């Protein structure tokens, strides 16, 4: 398993954050604050956890492949 998926996800969440910051320049009311705290922040937290999990899984998968190929 490559790190391609987690790399794409990392880019996507950074891109989302960048665009959100641009939107916040013009959208500064309570609805924007609620959106950020109720939707964006939890999403970022979850996505970052998924990225860490994907990276760990990639490490484990690579180790398994190495271990299996050494025994052949």
C-alpha atoms as a PDB file:
ATOM      1  CA  UNK A   1       0.000   0.000   0.000  1.00  0.00           C
ATOM      2  CA  UNK A   2       1.467   3.318  -0.994  1.00  0.00           C
ATOM      3  CA  UNK A   3       1.126   6.632   0.771  1.00  0.00           C
ATOM      4  CA  UNK A   4      -0.627   8.090  -2.268  1.00  0.00           C
ATOM      5  CA  UNK A   5      -4.060   8.026  -0.637  1.00  0.00           C
ATOM      6  CA  UNK A   6      -3.000   9.743   2.562  1.00  0.00           C
ATOM      7  CA  UNK A   7      -0.981  12.273   0.570  1.00  0.00           C
ATOM      8  CA  UNK A   8      -4.046  13.152  -1.502  1.00  0.00           C
ATOM      9  CA  UNK A   9      -6.170  13.412   1.625  1.00  0.00           C
ATOM     10  CA  UNK A  10      -3.587  15.643   3.305  1.00  0.00           C
ATOM     11  CA  UNK A  11      -3.574  17.922   0.271  1.00  0.00           C
ATOM     12  CA  UNK A  12      -7.378  17.991   0.174  1.00  0.00           C
ATOM     13  CA  UNK A  13      -7.813  18.981   3.828  1.00  0.00           C
ATOM     14  CA  UNK A  14      -5.109  21.658   3.511  1.00  0.00           C
ATOM     15  CA  UNK A  15      -6.800  22.953   0.374  1.00  0.00           C
ATOM     16  CA  UNK A  16     -10.162  23.009   2.154  1.00  0.00           C
ATOM     17  CA  UNK A  17      -8.628  24.960   5.060  1.00  0.00           C
ATOM     18  CA  UNK A  18      -7.031  27.448   2.629  1.00  0.00           C
ATOM     19  CA  UNK A  19     -10.327  28.062   0.859  1.00  0.00           C
ATOM     20  CA  UNK A  20     -12.156  28.340   4.167  1.00  0.00           C
ATOM     21  CA  UNK A  21      -9.723  31.041   5.293  1.00  0.00           C
ATOM     22  CA  UNK A  22     -10.398  32.931   2.058  1.00  0.00           C
ATOM     23  CA  UNK A  23     -14.150  32.644   2.604  1.00  0.00           C
ATOM     24  CA  UNK A  24     -13.828  33.816   6.217  1.00  0.00           C
ATOM     25  CA  UNK A  25     -12.546  37.163   4.973  1.00  0.00           C
ATOM     26  CA  UNK A  26     -16.066  37.843   3.678  1.00  0.00           C
ATOM     27  CA  UNK A  27     -18.177  35.604   5.913  1.00  0.00           C
ATOM     28  CA  UNK A  28     -17.720  36.602   9.530  1.00  0.00           C
ATOM     29  CA  UNK A  29     -21.120  36.156  11.152  1.00  0.00           C
ATOM     30  CA  UNK A  30     -22.290  33.684  13.763  1.00  0.00           C
ATOM     31  CA  UNK A  31     -23.351  31.192  11.088  1.00  0.00           C
ATOM     32  CA  UNK A  32     -19.758  31.081   9.817  1.00  0.00           C
ATOM     33  CA  UNK A  33     -18.456  30.510  13.341  1.00  0.00           C
ATOM     34  CA  UNK A  34     -21.012  27.757  13.877  1.00  0.00           C
ATOM     35  CA  UNK A  35     -20.109  26.144  10.552  1.00  0.00           C
ATOM     36  CA  UNK A  36     -16.446  26.128  11.457  1.00  0.00           C
ATOM     37  CA  UNK A  37     -16.934  24.720  14.948  1.00  0.00           C
ATOM     38  CA  UNK A  38     -19.710  22.250  14.094  1.00  0.00           C
ATOM     39  CA  UNK A  39     -18.510  20.999  10.723  1.00  0.00           C
ATOM     40  CA  UNK A  40     -15.052  22.057   9.618  1.00  0.00           C
ATOM     41  CA  UNK A  41     -13.113  21.546  12.849  1.00  0.00           C
ATOM     42  CA  UNK A  42     -14.562  18.061  13.524  1.00  0.00           C
ATOM     43  CA  UNK A  43     -13.931  17.096   9.900  1.00  0.00           C
ATOM     44  CA  UNK A  44     -10.303  18.169  10.132  1.00  0.00           C
ATOM     45  CA  UNK A  45      -9.869  16.207  13.360  1.00  0.00           C
ATOM     46  CA  UNK A  46     -11.354  13.076  11.825  1.00  0.00           C
ATOM     47  CA  UNK A  47      -9.446  13.400   8.565  1.00  0.00           C
ATOM     48  CA  UNK A  48      -6.158  13.861  10.410  1.00  0.00           C
ATOM     49  CA  UNK A  49      -6.887  10.708  12.426  1.00  0.00           C
ATOM     50  CA  UNK A  50      -7.654   8.822   9.215  1.00  0.00           C
ATOM     51  CA  UNK A  51      -4.410  10.052   7.649  1.00  0.00           C
ATOM     52  CA  UNK A  52      -2.421   8.814  10.658  1.00  0.00           C
ATOM     53  CA  UNK A  53      -4.208   5.460  10.422  1.00  0.00           C
ATOM     54  CA  UNK A  54      -3.548   5.178   6.695  1.00  0.00           C
ATOM     55  CA  UNK A  55       0.134   5.971   7.208  1.00  0.00           C
ATOM     56  CA  UNK A  56       0.404   3.366   9.977  1.00  0.00           C
ATOM     57  CA  UNK A  57      -1.387   0.796   7.820  1.00  0.00           C
ATOM     58  CA  UNK A  58       1.010   1.546   4.960  1.00  0.00           C
ATOM     59  CA  UNK A  59       3.963   0.912   7.303  1.00  0.00           C
ATOM     60  CA  UNK A  60       2.517  -2.369   8.551  1.00  0.00           C
ATOM     61  CA  UNK A  61       1.629  -3.526   5.041  1.00  0.00           C
ATOM     62  CA  UNK A  62       5.131  -2.724   3.792  1.00  0.00           C
ATOM     63  CA  UNK A  63       6.648  -4.667   6.701  1.00  0.00           C
ATOM     64  CA  UNK A  64       4.411  -7.669   6.027  1.00  0.00           C
ATOM     65  CA  UNK A  65       5.405  -7.629   2.362  1.00  0.00           C
ATOM     66  CA  UNK A  66       9.087  -7.467   3.299  1.00  0.00           C
ATOM     67  CA  UNK A  67       8.736 -10.245   5.863  1.00  0.00           C
ATOM     68  CA  UNK A  68       6.830 -12.487   3.453  1.00  0.00           C
ATOM     69  CA  UNK A  69       9.285 -11.951   0.619  1.00  0.00           C
ATOM     70  CA  UNK A  70      12.274 -12.781   2.867  1.00  0.00           C
ATOM     71  CA  UNK A  71      10.821 -16.182   3.677  1.00  0.00           C
ATOM     72  CA  UNK A  72      10.461 -17.270   0.062  1.00  0.00           C
END
